[in-house]
Amino acid sequence: MNAAEDDTAQRITKLEELAAHQARTIDELSNELASQWVVVDQLQKKLERLIDRFTSLEQASLEAPAATTPPHY
């Protein structure tokens, strides 16, 4: 093998290593993104429950009887 072929083989090996590293990084990022979507979905559901609870409490407070002075005053 001459120097040009050896250089080409080294360059190809380096490119293959780089491609493998990038593929691993993409897989890791994909997995992290999937887990983040689970968290986002959970937070959205929790926020919806809190909004519903707040709305019901707000409506209940509007329907409460007016505060009047007790008869013994």
Protein backbone atom coordinates (compact mmCIF):
# COMPACT_ATOMS: atom_id res chain seq x y z
CA MET A 1 0.00 0.00 0.00
CA ASN A 2 1.41 3.38 -0.89
CA ALA A 3 1.17 6.60 1.11
CA ALA A 4 -1.87 7.93 -0.80
CA GLU A 5 -3.85 4.73 -0.20
CA ASP A 6 -2.83 4.72 3.47
CA ASP A 7 -3.93 8.35 3.85
CA THR A 8 -7.24 7.57 2.15
CA ALA A 9 -7.80 4.58 4.41
CA GLN A 10 -7.12 6.72 7.50
CA ARG A 11 -9.49 9.41 6.29
CA ILE A 12 -12.22 6.83 5.64
CA THR A 13 -11.68 5.32 9.09
CA LYS A 14 -11.94 8.77 10.66
CA LEU A 15 -15.15 9.49 8.76
CA GLU A 16 -16.62 6.14 9.85
CA GLU A 17 -15.75 6.91 13.47
CA LEU A 18 -17.31 10.34 13.16
CA ALA A 19 -20.48 8.90 11.62
CA ALA A 20 -20.74 6.31 14.40
CA HIS A 21 -20.26 8.99 17.05
CA GLN A 22 -22.91 11.20 15.45
CA ALA A 23 -25.34 8.29 15.21
CA ARG A 24 -24.86 7.55 18.92
CA THR A 25 -25.34 11.23 19.77
CA ILE A 26 -28.53 11.37 17.69
CA ASP A 27 -29.87 8.29 19.50
CA GLU A 28 -29.08 9.81 22.89
CA LEU A 29 -30.73 13.10 21.94
CA SER A 30 -33.77 11.28 20.59
CA ASN A 31 -34.15 9.34 23.84
CA GLU A 32 -33.76 12.52 25.89
CA LEU A 33 -36.31 14.33 23.75
CA ALA A 34 -38.78 11.47 24.19
CA SER A 35 -38.38 11.58 27.97
CA GLN A 36 -38.80 15.37 27.97
CA TRP A 37 -42.06 15.02 26.05
CA VAL A 38 -43.31 12.68 28.77
CA VAL A 39 -42.51 15.35 31.37
CA VAL A 40 -44.16 18.08 29.28
CA ASP A 41 -47.27 15.94 28.87
CA GLN A 42 -47.44 15.31 32.62
CA LEU A 43 -47.03 19.02 33.35
CA GLN A 44 -49.76 19.93 30.86
CA LYS A 45 -52.18 17.50 32.52
CA LYS A 46 -51.27 18.82 35.95
CA LEU A 47 -51.80 22.41 34.79
CA GLU A 48 -55.21 21.51 33.37
CA ARG A 49 -56.20 19.93 36.70
CA LEU A 50 -55.00 23.02 38.59
CA ILE A 51 -56.89 25.34 36.26
CA ASP A 52 -60.06 23.28 36.74
CA ARG A 53 -59.58 23.31 40.52
CA PHE A 54 -58.92 27.05 40.59
CA THR A 55 -61.96 27.72 38.42
CA SER A 56 -64.22 25.62 40.65
CA LEU A 57 -62.90 27.32 43.79
CA GLU A 58 -63.39 30.71 42.20
CA GLN A 59 -66.97 29.87 41.25
CA ALA A 60 -67.65 28.50 44.73
CA SER A 61 -66.40 31.71 46.30
CA LEU A 62 -68.68 33.78 44.08
CA GLU A 63 -71.67 31.67 45.10
CA ALA A 64 -70.93 31.98 48.82
CA PRO A 65 -73.49 33.90 50.84
CA ALA A 66 -72.68 37.49 51.64
CA ALA A 67 -71.03 38.08 54.98
CA THR A 68 -73.50 39.67 57.34
CA THR A 69 -73.13 40.73 60.92
CA PRO A 70 -74.27 38.09 63.38
CA PRO A 71 -77.56 38.72 65.18
CA HIS A 72 -75.93 39.30 68.57
CA TYR A 73 -74.25 42.56 67.42
